[in-house]
Amino acid sequence: YDTFRDMFERFSKEAGKKQYLIPYFIAAHPGTRDEDMLNLALWLKKYDFRADQVQAFYPSPMATATAMYYSGKNPLRRVTYKSDGVATPKSPEQRRLHKAFLRYHDPANWPLLREALKKMGRADLIGNAEHQLIPAQQPASEKQDYQAPRRKNSQTAHVRRTQKGKILTQHTGLPPRDDGSRGANTRNRKPVKKR
């Protein structure tokens, strides 16, 4: 990656272009072990990457990774009944852990990561030193202060709906009527003619 990044920056500068590398990572990809995700988390910390949105692998048709996911074998090599298996994170717990490794900076993930690091025999990565992945203690406040940037200034629909003194309509959270009608819409309605 370092070599590619250096070449990318050099050639972009020579071409007079302002281009950026944006790494894209998928959690729980077939062939990925917990140790691989730990190494990736350490790499992300080294380069100060903080993934805000992380996608977990989801099998899709016609993809080699999907064949790996369902067969547990590597289809890029000759597949026989004696072929070595490929680690495939399928359990919700393991998929959650892989996602947590990519979001190592989020305090909500620290308890899960602490437990996993201890099980992996890597308790040396728990603490406040530069080389350690996560702190030994949760933040002092009970409430988790971290919020994703895209959610910082937004409120949940429930909070928006339940504010005192706010008038509700069916567009802002009022449930549909019992008879299924939506109510009168007079905005684009033609006037009724008398006969």
Protein backbone atom coordinates (compact mmCIF):
# COMPACT_ATOMS: atom_id res chain seq x y z
CA TYR A 1 0.00 0.00 0.00
CA ASP A 2 2.79 2.42 0.93
CA THR A 3 4.53 1.95 -2.43
CA PHE A 4 1.26 2.34 -4.33
CA ARG A 5 0.34 5.47 -2.33
CA ASP A 6 3.72 7.06 -3.02
CA MET A 7 3.44 6.32 -6.75
CA PHE A 8 -0.16 7.55 -6.84
CA GLU A 9 0.74 10.85 -5.18
CA ARG A 10 3.83 11.35 -7.36
CA PHE A 11 2.03 10.71 -10.65
CA SER A 12 -1.02 12.75 -9.61
CA LYS A 13 1.28 15.68 -8.84
CA GLU A 14 3.13 15.26 -12.15
CA ALA A 15 -0.20 15.27 -14.00
CA GLY A 16 -1.31 18.37 -12.11
CA LYS A 17 -4.32 16.57 -10.66
CA LYS A 18 -5.62 16.76 -7.13
CA GLN A 19 -6.67 13.18 -6.40
CA TYR A 20 -7.16 11.31 -3.15
CA LEU A 21 -6.98 7.69 -2.08
CA ILE A 22 -9.97 6.52 -0.11
CA PRO A 23 -9.50 2.98 1.22
CA TYR A 24 -12.61 0.81 1.27
CA PHE A 25 -12.82 -2.09 3.70
CA ILE A 26 -15.41 -4.83 4.09
CA ALA A 27 -15.85 -6.60 7.42
CA ALA A 28 -16.42 -10.36 7.74
CA HIS A 29 -15.21 -11.17 4.22
CA PRO A 30 -14.74 -14.91 3.49
CA GLY A 31 -11.15 -15.95 4.08
CA THR A 32 -10.72 -13.43 6.91
CA ARG A 33 -9.75 -14.60 10.39
CA ASP A 34 -9.95 -12.60 13.61
CA GLU A 35 -6.15 -12.18 13.49
CA ASP A 36 -6.43 -10.63 10.02
CA MET A 37 -8.96 -8.09 11.27
CA LEU A 38 -6.75 -7.31 14.26
CA ASN A 39 -3.80 -6.66 11.94
CA LEU A 40 -6.00 -4.44 9.78
CA ALA A 41 -7.15 -2.49 12.86
CA LEU A 42 -3.51 -1.94 13.86
CA TRP A 43 -2.74 -0.79 10.31
CA LEU A 44 -5.72 1.60 10.36
CA LYS A 45 -4.52 3.06 13.66
CA LYS A 46 -0.95 3.42 12.36
CA TYR A 47 -2.20 5.50 9.42
CA ASP A 48 -4.84 7.29 11.52
CA PHE A 49 -7.78 6.00 9.46
CA ARG A 50 -11.10 6.14 11.25
CA ALA A 51 -13.77 4.33 9.28
CA ASP A 52 -17.13 5.91 9.95
CA GLN A 53 -19.24 3.60 7.84
CA VAL A 54 -18.28 -0.04 7.60
CA GLN A 55 -19.94 -2.56 5.35
CA ALA A 56 -20.17 -6.19 6.42
CA PHE A 57 -19.82 -8.77 3.64
CA TYR A 58 -23.14 -9.92 2.25
CA PRO A 59 -23.19 -12.78 -0.28
CA SER A 60 -24.26 -11.66 -3.75
CA PRO A 61 -24.83 -13.77 -6.88
CA MET A 62 -21.98 -14.50 -9.30
CA ALA A 63 -19.22 -13.44 -6.89
CA THR A 64 -16.18 -15.54 -6.07
CA ALA A 65 -16.47 -14.47 -2.43
CA THR A 66 -20.02 -15.86 -2.35
CA ALA A 67 -18.72 -19.24 -3.53
CA MET A 68 -16.17 -19.09 -0.70
CA TYR A 69 -18.88 -18.11 1.79
CA TYR A 70 -21.17 -21.05 0.99
CA SER A 71 -18.60 -23.75 0.20
CA GLY A 72 -15.96 -22.87 2.77
CA LYS A 73 -13.37 -23.56 0.04
CA ASN A 74 -11.14 -21.32 -2.07
CA PRO A 75 -12.52 -21.48 -5.65
CA LEU A 76 -9.36 -19.84 -7.04
CA ARG A 77 -7.57 -23.15 -6.45
CA ARG A 78 -8.57 -26.64 -7.50
CA VAL A 79 -11.43 -27.68 -5.23
CA THR A 80 -11.62 -31.28 -4.02
CA TYR A 81 -13.02 -32.93 -0.93
CA LYS A 82 -9.49 -32.79 0.50
CA SER A 83 -9.08 -29.04 -0.15
CA ASP A 84 -8.25 -26.91 2.84
CA GLY A 85 -11.15 -24.95 4.25
CA VAL A 86 -11.35 -21.17 4.22
CA ALA A 87 -12.25 -19.27 7.38
CA THR A 88 -15.69 -17.77 6.86
CA PRO A 89 -17.17 -15.50 9.55
CA LYS A 90 -20.86 -16.42 9.57
CA SER A 91 -22.00 -16.09 13.18
CA PRO A 92 -23.50 -12.73 14.17
CA GLU A 93 -20.98 -12.47 17.02
CA GLN A 94 -17.96 -12.94 14.77
CA ARG A 95 -19.35 -10.58 12.12
CA ARG A 96 -19.95 -7.96 14.86
CA LEU A 97 -16.37 -8.44 16.08
CA HIS A 98 -14.92 -7.96 12.59
CA LYS A 99 -16.93 -4.77 12.20
CA ALA A 100 -15.74 -3.59 15.63
CA PHE A 101 -12.09 -4.10 14.60
CA LEU A 102 -12.63 -1.72 11.67
CA ARG A 103 -14.23 0.79 14.04
CA TYR A 104 -11.66 0.37 16.82
CA HIS A 105 -11.94 4.11 17.64
CA ASP A 106 -15.61 3.93 18.69
CA PRO A 107 -15.96 3.58 22.51
CA ALA A 108 -19.11 1.49 22.00
CA ASN A 109 -16.90 -1.26 20.51
CA TRP A 110 -14.23 -1.25 23.22
CA PRO A 111 -15.84 -3.80 25.60
CA LEU A 112 -16.24 -6.30 22.74
CA LEU A 113 -12.69 -5.68 21.53
CA ARG A 114 -11.23 -6.00 25.05
CA GLU A 115 -12.87 -9.38 25.49
CA ALA A 116 -11.74 -10.58 22.05
CA LEU A 117 -8.15 -9.39 22.51
CA LYS A 118 -7.92 -11.25 25.82
CA LYS A 119 -9.25 -14.45 24.18
CA MET A 120 -6.74 -14.05 21.35
CA GLY A 121 -3.89 -13.69 23.84
CA ARG A 122 -3.28 -10.08 22.80
CA ALA A 123 -4.09 -8.27 26.05
CA ASP A 124 -0.86 -6.33 25.39
CA LEU A 125 -2.89 -4.22 22.94
CA ILE A 126 -5.21 -2.97 25.69
CA GLY A 127 -4.06 0.26 27.33
CA ASN A 128 -3.29 3.90 26.68
CA ALA A 129 0.16 3.63 25.08
CA GLU A 130 0.73 4.64 21.46
CA HIS A 131 1.17 1.04 20.24
CA GLN A 132 -1.99 -0.21 21.96
CA LEU A 133 -5.26 -0.47 20.06
CA ILE A 134 -7.87 0.43 22.68
CA PRO A 135 -7.84 1.97 26.17
CA ALA A 136 -8.18 -0.19 29.27
CA GLN A 137 -11.13 1.81 30.62
CA GLN A 138 -14.35 3.18 29.17
CA PRO A 139 -14.77 6.99 29.13
CA ALA A 140 -15.80 8.53 32.48
CA SER A 141 -19.32 9.41 31.34
CA GLU A 142 -21.95 6.69 31.29
CA LYS A 143 -23.33 7.95 28.01
CA GLN A 144 -21.23 7.21 24.94
CA ASP A 145 -20.18 10.58 23.55
CA TYR A 146 -19.08 9.36 20.13
CA GLN A 147 -21.48 9.98 17.29
CA ALA A 148 -20.88 9.42 13.63
CA PRO A 149 -20.42 12.78 11.84
CA ARG A 150 -23.45 12.19 9.62
CA ARG A 151 -25.65 11.74 12.70
CA LYS A 152 -24.27 14.51 14.93
CA ASN A 153 -26.74 17.15 13.84
CA SER A 154 -29.71 14.91 13.20
CA GLN A 155 -32.32 13.58 15.58
CA THR A 156 -34.08 10.27 15.45
CA ALA A 157 -37.59 10.23 14.03
CA HIS A 158 -38.97 9.40 17.48
CA VAL A 159 -37.42 12.51 19.06
CA ARG A 160 -38.64 14.70 16.19
CA ARG A 161 -42.16 13.28 16.56
CA THR A 162 -42.55 13.64 20.30
CA GLN A 163 -41.56 17.25 20.89
CA LYS A 164 -44.01 19.16 23.08
CA GLY A 165 -46.21 21.64 21.26
CA LYS A 166 -45.49 20.27 17.78
CA ILE A 167 -48.44 19.68 15.50
CA LEU A 168 -48.43 16.26 13.90
CA THR A 169 -49.65 15.45 10.43
CA GLN A 170 -49.52 12.18 8.55
CA HIS A 171 -46.34 13.43 6.91
CA THR A 172 -44.64 14.11 10.25
CA GLY A 173 -45.58 11.01 12.18
CA LEU A 174 -49.35 10.87 12.71
CA PRO A 175 -50.57 7.29 12.15
CA PRO A 176 -53.09 6.55 9.34
CA ARG A 177 -56.81 6.81 10.12
CA ASP A 178 -58.75 3.74 11.25
CA ASP A 179 -60.77 3.61 8.02
CA GLY A 180 -57.56 3.64 5.95
CA SER A 181 -58.26 7.05 4.39
CA ARG A 182 -55.53 9.63 4.31
CA GLY A 183 -57.77 12.61 4.95
CA ALA A 184 -58.73 15.49 2.72
CA ASN A 185 -56.04 16.92 0.49
CA THR A 186 -57.25 20.33 -0.58
CA ARG A 187 -54.03 21.55 -2.15
CA ASN A 188 -54.39 20.02 -5.65
CA ARG A 189 -58.09 19.39 -5.55
CA LYS A 190 -60.60 20.74 -8.06
CA PRO A 191 -63.51 22.68 -6.57
CA VAL A 192 -66.78 20.77 -6.32
CA LYS A 193 -69.39 22.01 -8.82
CA LYS A 194 -72.99 22.45 -7.70
CA ARG A 195 -75.70 21.03 -9.94
